[in-house]
Amino acid sequence: YQLEQALALKSSGEEFAADAFYTEALARFREAVAISDQVNDTELSTEIRESMVKVHAIEGDTEASAQELQKIESQLQSDGAEDDLALNLLAQGRIFIRSFQFDQAISNLDRALDYQNNSAVRQQINFELAKAYFESCRLEKAEAYLKLIGISAHTPRQRGSGSVIDRGVAYSILADIHRINGKFEQMRAARQAQGRFHS
């Protein structure tokens, strides 16, 4: 009976969220996750928390999003779900970057690299690390992570279809690094490459 109640509350929360009644949605999700935690249904708890993260993100509440993602992280660690854990840590890293907590972002992203088993996920993590290091003025590290994802002044600059990262943003970061370091020829090359991805 409790599991059915949790599922009904989750469904109700999703309906409220779809209609933009976020306070009501979060109330239903909180009730649902309390029940699913009580009956130890970790998969359902994770699904509900993921729904809560989406609502918090819509509301712009990065702190609440991060808290829910950390609860999901704890569940994933106890379940030994490494790929899901890497994606969770990647999501946390992105939230910390958006809230200007670059050291926390870097810490989470470094941990995500330890758990990932997928080259597309590794590329996304390295891209976020490049952004975090750039934003915290650690330009050598930022450039090193850009090179790991194939972004440098010397890489072929053809359009890549299906890339998991925004190459235009990556080349913009590289151009800014070269500008700051006074390497104007390399900056121009990076800006040209950026233009190919944003045109």
N, C-alpha and C. Protein backbone atom coordinates (compact mmCIF):
# COMPACT_ATOMS: atom_id res chain seq x y z
N TYR A 1 0.83 -1.21 0.00
CA TYR A 1 0.00 0.00 0.00
C TYR A 1 0.86 1.26 0.00
N GLN A 2 1.96 1.26 0.79
CA GLN A 2 2.81 2.45 0.87
C GLN A 2 3.46 2.77 -0.48
N LEU A 3 3.88 1.72 -1.19
CA LEU A 3 4.50 1.93 -2.49
C LEU A 3 3.51 2.54 -3.47
N GLU A 4 2.28 2.07 -3.46
CA GLU A 4 1.24 2.64 -4.32
C GLU A 4 0.99 4.11 -3.96
N GLN A 5 1.02 4.40 -2.68
CA GLN A 5 0.82 5.78 -2.23
C GLN A 5 1.95 6.67 -2.73
N ALA A 6 3.20 6.18 -2.65
CA ALA A 6 4.34 6.95 -3.12
C ALA A 6 4.25 7.20 -4.63
N LEU A 7 3.84 6.18 -5.38
CA LEU A 7 3.70 6.33 -6.83
C LEU A 7 2.60 7.33 -7.18
N ALA A 8 1.48 7.30 -6.42
CA ALA A 8 0.39 8.24 -6.66
C ALA A 8 0.84 9.67 -6.36
N LEU A 9 1.58 9.85 -5.27
CA LEU A 9 2.08 11.19 -4.93
C LEU A 9 3.08 11.68 -5.98
N LYS A 10 3.93 10.78 -6.46
CA LYS A 10 4.89 11.14 -7.51
C LYS A 10 4.14 11.58 -8.76
N SER A 11 3.14 10.83 -9.16
CA SER A 11 2.34 11.16 -10.33
C SER A 11 1.65 12.51 -10.16
N SER A 12 1.09 12.74 -8.98
CA SER A 12 0.44 14.01 -8.68
C SER A 12 1.45 15.16 -8.77
N GLY A 13 2.64 14.94 -8.22
CA GLY A 13 3.69 15.95 -8.29
C GLY A 13 4.07 16.28 -9.72
N GLU A 14 4.15 15.26 -10.56
CA GLU A 14 4.50 15.48 -11.97
C GLU A 14 3.42 16.30 -12.67
N GLU A 15 2.14 16.03 -12.33
CA GLU A 15 1.04 16.81 -12.92
C GLU A 15 1.12 18.27 -12.49
N PHE A 16 1.36 18.50 -11.20
CA PHE A 16 1.50 19.88 -10.72
C PHE A 16 2.67 20.58 -11.41
N ALA A 17 3.79 19.86 -11.55
CA ALA A 17 4.97 20.45 -12.20
C ALA A 17 4.68 20.79 -13.65
N ALA A 18 3.96 19.91 -14.35
CA ALA A 18 3.62 20.15 -15.75
C ALA A 18 2.75 21.40 -15.90
N ASP A 19 1.94 21.68 -14.89
CA ASP A 19 1.07 22.86 -14.91
C ASP A 19 1.72 24.08 -14.24
N ALA A 20 3.00 23.97 -13.91
CA ALA A 20 3.79 25.06 -13.32
C ALA A 20 3.35 25.43 -11.90
N PHE A 21 2.75 24.48 -11.18
CA PHE A 21 2.46 24.67 -9.75
C PHE A 21 3.59 24.01 -8.95
N TYR A 22 4.71 24.71 -8.88
CA TYR A 22 5.94 24.10 -8.38
C TYR A 22 5.92 23.85 -6.88
N THR A 23 5.33 24.73 -6.11
CA THR A 23 5.26 24.54 -4.66
C THR A 23 4.48 23.27 -4.34
N GLU A 24 3.34 23.11 -5.02
CA GLU A 24 2.52 21.91 -4.81
C GLU A 24 3.25 20.66 -5.29
N ALA A 25 3.94 20.78 -6.41
CA ALA A 25 4.69 19.64 -6.95
C ALA A 25 5.76 19.19 -5.96
N LEU A 26 6.51 20.14 -5.42
CA LEU A 26 7.57 19.79 -4.46
C LEU A 26 6.99 19.17 -3.20
N ALA A 27 5.84 19.67 -2.76
CA ALA A 27 5.19 19.09 -1.56
C ALA A 27 4.85 17.62 -1.81
N ARG A 28 4.29 17.31 -2.98
CA ARG A 28 3.94 15.92 -3.31
C ARG A 28 5.20 15.06 -3.41
N PHE A 29 6.23 15.61 -4.07
CA PHE A 29 7.48 14.86 -4.22
C PHE A 29 8.11 14.55 -2.86
N ARG A 30 8.08 15.53 -1.95
CA ARG A 30 8.65 15.32 -0.62
C ARG A 30 7.92 14.20 0.13
N GLU A 31 6.59 14.21 0.03
CA GLU A 31 5.81 13.15 0.67
C GLU A 31 6.14 11.80 0.04
N ALA A 32 6.24 11.78 -1.28
CA ALA A 32 6.51 10.53 -2.00
C ALA A 32 7.88 9.98 -1.65
N VAL A 33 8.89 10.86 -1.61
CA VAL A 33 10.25 10.38 -1.34
C VAL A 33 10.39 9.93 0.11
N ALA A 34 9.67 10.54 1.02
CA ALA A 34 9.70 10.10 2.43
C ALA A 34 9.19 8.66 2.52
N ILE A 35 8.13 8.37 1.77
CA ILE A 35 7.58 7.01 1.80
C ILE A 35 8.53 6.03 1.10
N SER A 36 9.03 6.40 -0.07
CA SER A 36 9.91 5.47 -0.80
C SER A 36 11.21 5.22 -0.03
N ASP A 37 11.71 6.24 0.68
CA ASP A 37 12.88 6.03 1.53
C ASP A 37 12.54 5.07 2.68
N GLN A 38 11.35 5.25 3.23
CA GLN A 38 10.91 4.41 4.36
C GLN A 38 10.80 2.94 3.96
N VAL A 39 10.28 2.68 2.75
CA VAL A 39 10.13 1.29 2.29
C VAL A 39 11.39 0.81 1.56
N ASN A 40 12.42 1.67 1.52
CA ASN A 40 13.73 1.33 0.98
C ASN A 40 13.68 1.00 -0.52
N ASP A 41 12.86 1.72 -1.29
CA ASP A 41 12.83 1.57 -2.74
C ASP A 41 13.75 2.65 -3.33
N THR A 42 15.04 2.33 -3.42
CA THR A 42 16.03 3.33 -3.81
C THR A 42 15.83 3.81 -5.25
N GLU A 43 15.38 2.93 -6.13
CA GLU A 43 15.17 3.34 -7.52
C GLU A 43 14.06 4.39 -7.60
N LEU A 44 12.97 4.17 -6.90
CA LEU A 44 11.87 5.14 -6.89
C LEU A 44 12.32 6.44 -6.23
N SER A 45 13.05 6.33 -5.12
CA SER A 45 13.55 7.54 -4.44
C SER A 45 14.41 8.37 -5.38
N THR A 46 15.27 7.70 -6.15
CA THR A 46 16.13 8.40 -7.10
C THR A 46 15.29 9.10 -8.17
N GLU A 47 14.29 8.40 -8.70
CA GLU A 47 13.42 9.01 -9.72
C GLU A 47 12.71 10.25 -9.17
N ILE A 48 12.21 10.16 -7.95
CA ILE A 48 11.50 11.29 -7.35
C ILE A 48 12.46 12.46 -7.14
N ARG A 49 13.64 12.16 -6.62
CA ARG A 49 14.63 13.23 -6.39
C ARG A 49 15.04 13.89 -7.71
N GLU A 50 15.14 13.09 -8.78
CA GLU A 50 15.47 13.67 -10.08
C GLU A 50 14.37 14.64 -10.52
N SER A 51 13.12 14.30 -10.25
CA SER A 51 12.01 15.21 -10.56
C SER A 51 12.11 16.47 -9.72
N MET A 52 12.51 16.33 -8.47
CA MET A 52 12.67 17.49 -7.59
C MET A 52 13.79 18.40 -8.10
N VAL A 53 14.88 17.81 -8.58
CA VAL A 53 15.99 18.59 -9.12
C VAL A 53 15.51 19.44 -10.29
N LYS A 54 14.69 18.84 -11.17
CA LYS A 54 14.19 19.58 -12.32
C LYS A 54 13.35 20.79 -11.88
N VAL A 55 12.49 20.59 -10.89
CA VAL A 55 11.65 21.69 -10.40
C VAL A 55 12.52 22.77 -9.77
N HIS A 56 13.48 22.36 -8.93
CA HIS A 56 14.38 23.34 -8.31
C HIS A 56 15.15 24.12 -9.38
N ALA A 57 15.57 23.43 -10.45
CA ALA A 57 16.31 24.09 -11.53
C ALA A 57 15.42 25.12 -12.23
N ILE A 58 14.16 24.76 -12.49
CA ILE A 58 13.22 25.70 -13.12
C ILE A 58 13.06 26.94 -12.24
N GLU A 59 13.00 26.73 -10.93
CA GLU A 59 12.84 27.85 -10.00
C GLU A 59 14.14 28.62 -9.77
N GLY A 60 15.25 28.10 -10.29
CA GLY A 60 16.54 28.76 -10.12
C GLY A 60 17.16 28.54 -8.75
N ASP A 61 16.71 27.51 -8.05
CA ASP A 61 17.21 27.22 -6.70
C ASP A 61 18.36 26.21 -6.80
N THR A 62 19.57 26.73 -7.08
CA THR A 62 20.72 25.85 -7.28
C THR A 62 21.11 25.12 -6.00
N GLU A 63 20.94 25.76 -4.86
CA GLU A 63 21.29 25.11 -3.59
C GLU A 63 20.42 23.88 -3.35
N ALA A 64 19.12 24.01 -3.55
CA ALA A 64 18.21 22.88 -3.36
C ALA A 64 18.49 21.79 -4.38
N SER A 65 18.80 22.17 -5.64
CA SER A 65 19.15 21.19 -6.66
C SER A 65 20.37 20.40 -6.24
N ALA A 66 21.39 21.12 -5.76
CA ALA A 66 22.63 20.46 -5.34
C ALA A 66 22.38 19.51 -4.17
N GLN A 67 21.54 19.92 -3.23
CA GLN A 67 21.24 19.06 -2.07
C GLN A 67 20.57 17.76 -2.52
N GLU A 68 19.61 17.86 -3.45
CA GLU A 68 18.94 16.65 -3.93
C GLU A 68 19.91 15.77 -4.71
N LEU A 69 20.77 16.39 -5.53
CA LEU A 69 21.75 15.62 -6.28
C LEU A 69 22.72 14.90 -5.35
N GLN A 70 23.06 15.53 -4.23
CA GLN A 70 23.94 14.88 -3.26
C GLN A 70 23.26 13.69 -2.60
N LYS A 71 21.96 13.77 -2.38
CA LYS A 71 21.21 12.62 -1.84
C LYS A 71 21.18 11.49 -2.85
N ILE A 72 20.99 11.84 -4.13
CA ILE A 72 21.02 10.83 -5.19
C ILE A 72 22.40 10.20 -5.24
N GLU A 73 23.44 11.03 -5.12
CA GLU A 73 24.82 10.53 -5.13
C GLU A 73 25.03 9.48 -4.05
N SER A 74 24.54 9.74 -2.85
CA SER A 74 24.69 8.79 -1.75
C SER A 74 24.01 7.47 -2.08
N GLN A 75 22.82 7.54 -2.67
CA GLN A 75 22.11 6.31 -3.05
C GLN A 75 22.87 5.55 -4.13
N LEU A 76 23.38 6.28 -5.12
CA LEU A 76 24.10 5.63 -6.21
C LEU A 76 25.39 4.98 -5.71
N GLN A 77 26.06 5.63 -4.77
CA GLN A 77 27.28 5.05 -4.20
C GLN A 77 26.98 3.75 -3.49
N SER A 78 25.90 3.74 -2.72
CA SER A 78 25.57 2.51 -1.99
C SER A 78 25.12 1.41 -2.94
N ASP A 79 24.56 1.79 -4.11
CA ASP A 79 24.14 0.80 -5.11
C ASP A 79 25.29 0.37 -6.02
N GLY A 80 26.40 1.10 -5.99
CA GLY A 80 27.54 0.78 -6.86
C GLY A 80 27.28 1.10 -8.32
N ALA A 81 26.43 2.07 -8.62
CA ALA A 81 26.07 2.44 -9.99
C ALA A 81 27.03 3.52 -10.50
N GLU A 82 28.19 3.09 -11.02
CA GLU A 82 29.26 4.02 -11.36
C GLU A 82 28.90 4.99 -12.48
N ASP A 83 28.29 4.50 -13.57
CA ASP A 83 27.96 5.40 -14.68
C ASP A 83 26.95 6.47 -14.24
N ASP A 84 25.93 6.04 -13.52
CA ASP A 84 24.94 6.99 -13.01
C ASP A 84 25.57 7.97 -12.03
N LEU A 85 26.50 7.48 -11.23
CA LEU A 85 27.19 8.34 -10.27
C LEU A 85 28.02 9.40 -11.00
N ALA A 86 28.69 9.00 -12.07
CA ALA A 86 29.48 9.96 -12.86
C ALA A 86 28.57 11.06 -13.43
N LEU A 87 27.41 10.67 -13.95
CA LEU A 87 26.48 11.66 -14.49
C LEU A 87 25.93 12.57 -13.40
N ASN A 88 25.68 12.00 -12.23
CA ASN A 88 25.20 12.80 -11.11
C ASN A 88 26.24 13.83 -10.69
N LEU A 89 27.49 13.41 -10.58
CA LEU A 89 28.57 14.32 -10.19
C LEU A 89 28.78 15.39 -11.27
N LEU A 90 28.62 15.00 -12.53
CA LEU A 90 28.69 15.97 -13.63
C LEU A 90 27.59 17.02 -13.47
N ALA A 91 26.38 16.59 -13.18
CA ALA A 91 25.27 17.53 -12.97
C ALA A 91 25.56 18.45 -11.79
N GLN A 92 26.11 17.88 -10.71
CA GLN A 92 26.45 18.72 -9.55
C GLN A 92 27.52 19.74 -9.94
N GLY A 93 28.53 19.30 -10.71
CA GLY A 93 29.58 20.21 -11.14
C GLY A 93 29.03 21.37 -11.93
N ARG A 94 28.08 21.09 -12.83
CA ARG A 94 27.47 22.16 -13.63
C ARG A 94 26.72 23.16 -12.74
N ILE A 95 26.03 22.64 -11.75
CA ILE A 95 25.30 23.52 -10.82
C ILE A 95 26.28 24.41 -10.05
N PHE A 96 27.38 23.81 -9.59
CA PHE A 96 28.37 24.61 -8.85
C PHE A 96 29.03 25.66 -9.75
N ILE A 97 29.24 25.35 -11.02
CA ILE A 97 29.80 26.34 -11.95
C ILE A 97 28.82 27.50 -12.10
N ARG A 98 27.52 27.18 -12.29
CA ARG A 98 26.52 28.24 -12.45
C ARG A 98 26.40 29.11 -11.20
N SER A 99 26.72 28.53 -10.04
CA SER A 99 26.62 29.33 -8.81
C SER A 99 28.00 29.85 -8.36
N PHE A 100 28.97 29.83 -9.28
CA PHE A 100 30.30 30.42 -9.06
C PHE A 100 31.09 29.75 -7.93
N GLN A 101 30.81 28.49 -7.66
CA GLN A 101 31.55 27.72 -6.66
C GLN A 101 32.52 26.79 -7.40
N PHE A 102 33.56 27.39 -7.96
CA PHE A 102 34.41 26.67 -8.91
C PHE A 102 35.23 25.56 -8.26
N ASP A 103 35.73 25.77 -7.05
CA ASP A 103 36.51 24.72 -6.39
C ASP A 103 35.64 23.51 -6.10
N GLN A 104 34.40 23.73 -5.66
CA GLN A 104 33.48 22.62 -5.42
C GLN A 104 33.14 21.92 -6.73
N ALA A 105 32.97 22.70 -7.80
CA ALA A 105 32.70 22.12 -9.12
C ALA A 105 33.86 21.23 -9.55
N ILE A 106 35.07 21.73 -9.42
CA ILE A 106 36.26 20.97 -9.83
C ILE A 106 36.37 19.69 -9.01
N SER A 107 36.13 19.77 -7.72
CA SER A 107 36.18 18.59 -6.86
C SER A 107 35.18 17.52 -7.34
N ASN A 108 33.95 17.92 -7.60
CA ASN A 108 32.93 16.97 -8.05
C ASN A 108 33.26 16.40 -9.42
N LEU A 109 33.73 17.26 -10.32
CA LEU A 109 34.06 16.81 -11.67
C LEU A 109 35.25 15.85 -11.67
N ASP A 110 36.24 16.12 -10.82
CA ASP A 110 37.37 15.19 -10.68
C ASP A 110 36.88 13.82 -10.21
N ARG A 111 35.96 13.83 -9.26
CA ARG A 111 35.38 12.56 -8.77
C ARG A 111 34.59 11.87 -9.87
N ALA A 112 33.90 12.66 -10.70
CA ALA A 112 33.13 12.08 -11.80
C ALA A 112 34.04 11.34 -12.77
N LEU A 113 35.23 11.88 -13.02
CA LEU A 113 36.18 11.21 -13.91
C LEU A 113 36.55 9.82 -13.38
N ASP A 114 36.61 9.68 -12.06
CA ASP A 114 36.94 8.38 -11.46
C ASP A 114 35.88 7.33 -11.72
N TYR A 115 34.63 7.74 -11.90
CA TYR A 115 33.52 6.80 -12.03
C TYR A 115 33.06 6.55 -13.46
N GLN A 116 33.39 7.45 -14.38
CA GLN A 116 32.85 7.34 -15.74
C GLN A 116 33.51 6.19 -16.50
N ASN A 117 32.71 5.55 -17.35
CA ASN A 117 33.20 4.46 -18.20
C ASN A 117 32.81 4.71 -19.65
N ASN A 118 32.60 5.97 -20.01
CA ASN A 118 32.03 6.30 -21.31
C ASN A 118 32.77 7.51 -21.86
N SER A 119 33.26 7.41 -23.09
CA SER A 119 34.07 8.51 -23.64
C SER A 119 33.26 9.79 -23.83
N ALA A 120 31.96 9.67 -24.14
CA ALA A 120 31.13 10.87 -24.31
C ALA A 120 30.97 11.58 -22.97
N VAL A 121 30.79 10.82 -21.90
CA VAL A 121 30.68 11.42 -20.56
C VAL A 121 32.01 12.05 -20.16
N ARG A 122 33.12 11.35 -20.47
CA ARG A 122 34.45 11.89 -20.15
C ARG A 122 34.65 13.22 -20.86
N GLN A 123 34.23 13.33 -22.13
CA GLN A 123 34.36 14.60 -22.86
C GLN A 123 33.57 15.71 -22.18
N GLN A 124 32.36 15.42 -21.76
CA GLN A 124 31.53 16.43 -21.08
C GLN A 124 32.18 16.87 -19.78
N ILE A 125 32.71 15.92 -19.02
CA ILE A 125 33.36 16.25 -17.74
C ILE A 125 34.58 17.13 -17.99
N ASN A 126 35.41 16.75 -18.98
CA ASN A 126 36.61 17.53 -19.28
C ASN A 126 36.24 18.94 -19.75
N PHE A 127 35.15 19.08 -20.52
CA PHE A 127 34.69 20.39 -20.97
C PHE A 127 34.28 21.25 -19.78
N GLU A 128 33.54 20.67 -18.85
CA GLU A 128 33.11 21.42 -17.65
C GLU A 128 34.32 21.77 -16.79
N LEU A 129 35.31 20.88 -16.70
CA LEU A 129 36.54 21.20 -15.96
C LEU A 129 37.27 22.38 -16.62
N ALA A 130 37.31 22.38 -17.95
CA ALA A 130 37.95 23.51 -18.65
C ALA A 130 37.24 24.81 -18.31
N LYS A 131 35.90 24.79 -18.30
CA LYS A 131 35.14 26.00 -17.96
C LYS A 131 35.42 26.43 -16.52
N ALA A 132 35.41 25.48 -15.59
CA ALA A 132 35.62 25.81 -14.18
C ALA A 132 37.02 26.38 -13.96
N TYR A 133 38.03 25.78 -14.58
CA TYR A 133 39.40 26.29 -14.42
C TYR A 133 39.53 27.66 -15.07
N PHE A 134 38.89 27.87 -16.22
CA PHE A 134 38.95 29.18 -16.88
C PHE A 134 38.30 30.24 -16.00
N GLU A 135 37.11 29.94 -15.51
CA GLU A 135 36.37 30.91 -14.69
C GLU A 135 37.10 31.24 -13.39
N SER A 136 37.94 30.31 -12.91
CA SER A 136 38.69 30.58 -11.69
C SER A 136 40.13 31.02 -12.00
N CYS A 137 40.35 31.46 -13.25
CA CYS A 137 41.61 32.07 -13.69
C CYS A 137 42.81 31.13 -13.63
N ARG A 138 42.56 29.84 -13.78
CA ARG A 138 43.66 28.86 -13.87
C ARG A 138 43.76 28.44 -15.33
N LEU A 139 44.38 29.32 -16.10
CA LEU A 139 44.33 29.23 -17.56
C LEU A 139 45.09 28.03 -18.12
N GLU A 140 46.24 27.68 -17.54
CA GLU A 140 46.99 26.52 -18.05
C GLU A 140 46.19 25.24 -17.92
N LYS A 141 45.54 25.09 -16.77
CA LYS A 141 44.70 23.90 -16.55
C LYS A 141 43.53 23.91 -17.52
N ALA A 142 42.90 25.07 -17.70
CA ALA A 142 41.77 25.18 -18.61
C ALA A 142 42.18 24.76 -20.02
N GLU A 143 43.32 25.26 -20.47
CA GLU A 143 43.80 24.92 -21.81
C GLU A 143 44.12 23.43 -21.92
N ALA A 144 44.68 22.86 -20.86
CA ALA A 144 44.99 21.42 -20.87
C ALA A 144 43.72 20.59 -21.03
N TYR A 145 42.65 20.97 -20.33
CA TYR A 145 41.40 20.22 -20.45
C TYR A 145 40.75 20.43 -21.81
N LEU A 146 40.92 21.62 -22.40
CA LEU A 146 40.42 21.84 -23.75
C LEU A 146 41.15 20.92 -24.74
N LYS A 147 42.46 20.77 -24.56
CA LYS A 147 43.22 19.87 -25.44
C LYS A 147 42.74 18.43 -25.32
N LEU A 148 42.35 18.03 -24.10
CA LEU A 148 41.85 16.66 -23.90
C LEU A 148 40.57 16.39 -24.70
N ILE A 149 39.81 17.45 -25.01
CA ILE A 149 38.59 17.26 -25.80
C ILE A 149 38.81 17.66 -27.26
N GLY A 150 40.07 17.85 -27.64
CA GLY A 150 40.39 18.12 -29.03
C GLY A 150 40.27 19.57 -29.46
N ILE A 151 40.34 20.48 -28.50
CA ILE A 151 40.23 21.91 -28.82
C ILE A 151 41.60 22.55 -28.60
N SER A 152 42.24 22.94 -29.71
CA SER A 152 43.50 23.69 -29.62
C SER A 152 43.64 24.52 -30.89
N ALA A 153 44.59 25.41 -30.89
CA ALA A 153 44.79 26.26 -32.06
C ALA A 153 45.25 25.43 -33.26
N HIS A 154 45.73 24.22 -33.02
CA HIS A 154 46.30 23.40 -34.09
C HIS A 154 45.40 22.24 -34.49
N THR A 155 44.21 22.14 -33.92
CA THR A 155 43.33 21.03 -34.30
C THR A 155 42.55 21.39 -35.55
N PRO A 156 42.25 20.38 -36.37
CA PRO A 156 41.40 20.66 -37.52
C PRO A 156 40.07 21.23 -37.03
N ARG A 157 39.59 22.23 -37.73
CA ARG A 157 38.41 22.93 -37.24
C ARG A 157 37.18 22.67 -38.11
N GLN A 158 36.99 21.41 -38.50
CA GLN A 158 35.78 21.10 -39.26
C GLN A 158 34.59 21.03 -38.32
N ARG A 159 33.43 21.19 -38.89
CA ARG A 159 32.20 21.07 -38.10
C ARG A 159 32.07 19.62 -37.66
N GLY A 160 31.84 19.41 -36.39
CA GLY A 160 31.63 18.05 -35.90
C GLY A 160 30.16 17.84 -35.63
N SER A 161 29.58 16.86 -36.29
CA SER A 161 28.17 16.60 -36.02
C SER A 161 28.07 15.63 -34.86
N GLY A 162 27.08 15.82 -34.06
CA GLY A 162 26.84 14.90 -32.96
C GLY A 162 27.79 15.06 -31.78
N SER A 163 28.49 16.19 -31.71
CA SER A 163 29.40 16.40 -30.59
C SER A 163 28.60 16.57 -29.30
N VAL A 164 29.16 16.04 -28.21
CA VAL A 164 28.48 16.14 -26.91
C VAL A 164 28.82 17.45 -26.19
N ILE A 165 29.70 18.24 -26.78
CA ILE A 165 30.05 19.53 -26.18
C ILE A 165 29.79 20.64 -27.19
N ASP A 166 29.67 21.86 -26.70
CA ASP A 166 29.49 23.02 -27.55
C ASP A 166 30.87 23.51 -27.97
N ARG A 167 31.29 23.10 -29.17
CA ARG A 167 32.64 23.43 -29.62
C ARG A 167 32.81 24.94 -29.81
N GLY A 168 31.75 25.64 -30.16
CA GLY A 168 31.84 27.10 -30.28
C GLY A 168 32.21 27.74 -28.96
N VAL A 169 31.59 27.30 -27.88
CA VAL A 169 31.92 27.82 -26.55
C VAL A 169 33.35 27.43 -26.18
N ALA A 170 33.74 26.20 -26.52
CA ALA A 170 35.09 25.74 -26.20
C ALA A 170 36.14 26.61 -26.91
N TYR A 171 35.91 26.90 -28.21
CA TYR A 171 36.86 27.76 -28.93
C TYR A 171 36.83 29.19 -28.40
N SER A 172 35.68 29.65 -27.92
CA SER A 172 35.60 30.98 -27.32
C SER A 172 36.48 31.06 -26.07
N ILE A 173 36.41 30.01 -25.25
CA ILE A 173 37.26 29.97 -24.04
C ILE A 173 38.73 29.97 -24.44
N LEU A 174 39.07 29.14 -25.46
CA LEU A 174 40.46 29.08 -25.91
C LEU A 174 40.93 30.44 -26.42
N ALA A 175 40.07 31.12 -27.20
CA ALA A 175 40.44 32.45 -27.71
C ALA A 175 40.69 33.42 -26.56
N ASP A 176 39.85 33.37 -25.54
CA ASP A 176 40.03 34.25 -24.39
C ASP A 176 41.33 33.94 -23.65
N ILE A 177 41.66 32.67 -23.53
CA ILE A 177 42.93 32.28 -22.88
C ILE A 177 44.10 32.88 -23.66
N HIS A 178 44.07 32.74 -24.99
CA HIS A 178 45.17 33.28 -25.81
C HIS A 178 45.21 34.82 -25.74
N ARG A 179 44.04 35.45 -25.68
CA ARG A 179 44.00 36.92 -25.57
C ARG A 179 44.65 37.36 -24.27
N ILE A 180 44.28 36.71 -23.17
CA ILE A 180 44.82 37.06 -21.85
C ILE A 180 46.33 36.86 -21.82
N ASN A 181 46.80 35.79 -22.52
CA ASN A 181 48.23 35.48 -22.54
C ASN A 181 48.99 36.26 -23.61
N GLY A 182 48.28 37.14 -24.35
CA GLY A 182 48.94 37.96 -25.36
C GLY A 182 49.31 37.21 -26.62
N LYS A 183 48.71 36.07 -26.88
CA LYS A 183 48.99 35.26 -28.08
C LYS A 183 47.90 35.56 -29.11
N PHE A 184 48.05 36.71 -29.79
CA PHE A 184 46.96 37.23 -30.61
C PHE A 184 46.74 36.45 -31.90
N GLU A 185 47.79 35.90 -32.46
CA GLU A 185 47.62 35.09 -33.68
C GLU A 185 46.81 33.83 -33.37
N GLN A 186 47.14 33.18 -32.25
CA GLN A 186 46.38 31.99 -31.84
C GLN A 186 44.96 32.37 -31.44
N MET A 187 44.79 33.55 -30.86
CA MET A 187 43.46 34.02 -30.50
C MET A 187 42.60 34.16 -31.75
N ARG A 188 43.19 34.77 -32.82
CA ARG A 188 42.42 34.95 -34.07
C ARG A 188 42.04 33.60 -34.67
N ALA A 189 42.96 32.64 -34.62
CA ALA A 189 42.66 31.30 -35.17
C ALA A 189 41.51 30.65 -34.38
N ALA A 190 41.54 30.81 -33.07
CA ALA A 190 40.47 30.24 -32.25
C ALA A 190 39.14 30.94 -32.52
N ARG A 191 39.17 32.27 -32.72
CA ARG A 191 37.94 33.01 -33.02
C ARG A 191 37.36 32.56 -34.38
N GLN A 192 38.25 32.30 -35.36
CA GLN A 192 37.77 31.81 -36.65
C GLN A 192 37.11 30.44 -36.49
N ALA A 193 37.73 29.59 -35.70
CA ALA A 193 37.14 28.26 -35.45
C ALA A 193 35.81 28.40 -34.73
N GLN A 194 35.75 29.31 -33.78
CA GLN A 194 34.50 29.57 -33.05
C GLN A 194 33.41 29.97 -34.02
N GLY A 195 33.74 30.84 -34.98
CA GLY A 195 32.77 31.31 -35.96
C GLY A 195 32.21 30.17 -36.80
N ARG A 196 33.02 29.17 -37.07
CA ARG A 196 32.54 28.03 -37.87
C ARG A 196 31.47 27.23 -37.12
N PHE A 197 31.55 27.24 -35.81
CA PHE A 197 30.58 26.47 -35.02
C PHE A 197 29.35 27.29 -34.66
N HIS A 198 29.46 28.61 -34.72
CA HIS A 198 28.33 29.47 -34.36
C HIS A 198 27.64 30.09 -35.56
N SER A 199 28.11 29.74 -36.76
CA SER A 199 27.49 30.35 -37.95
C SER A 199 26.27 29.59 -38.39
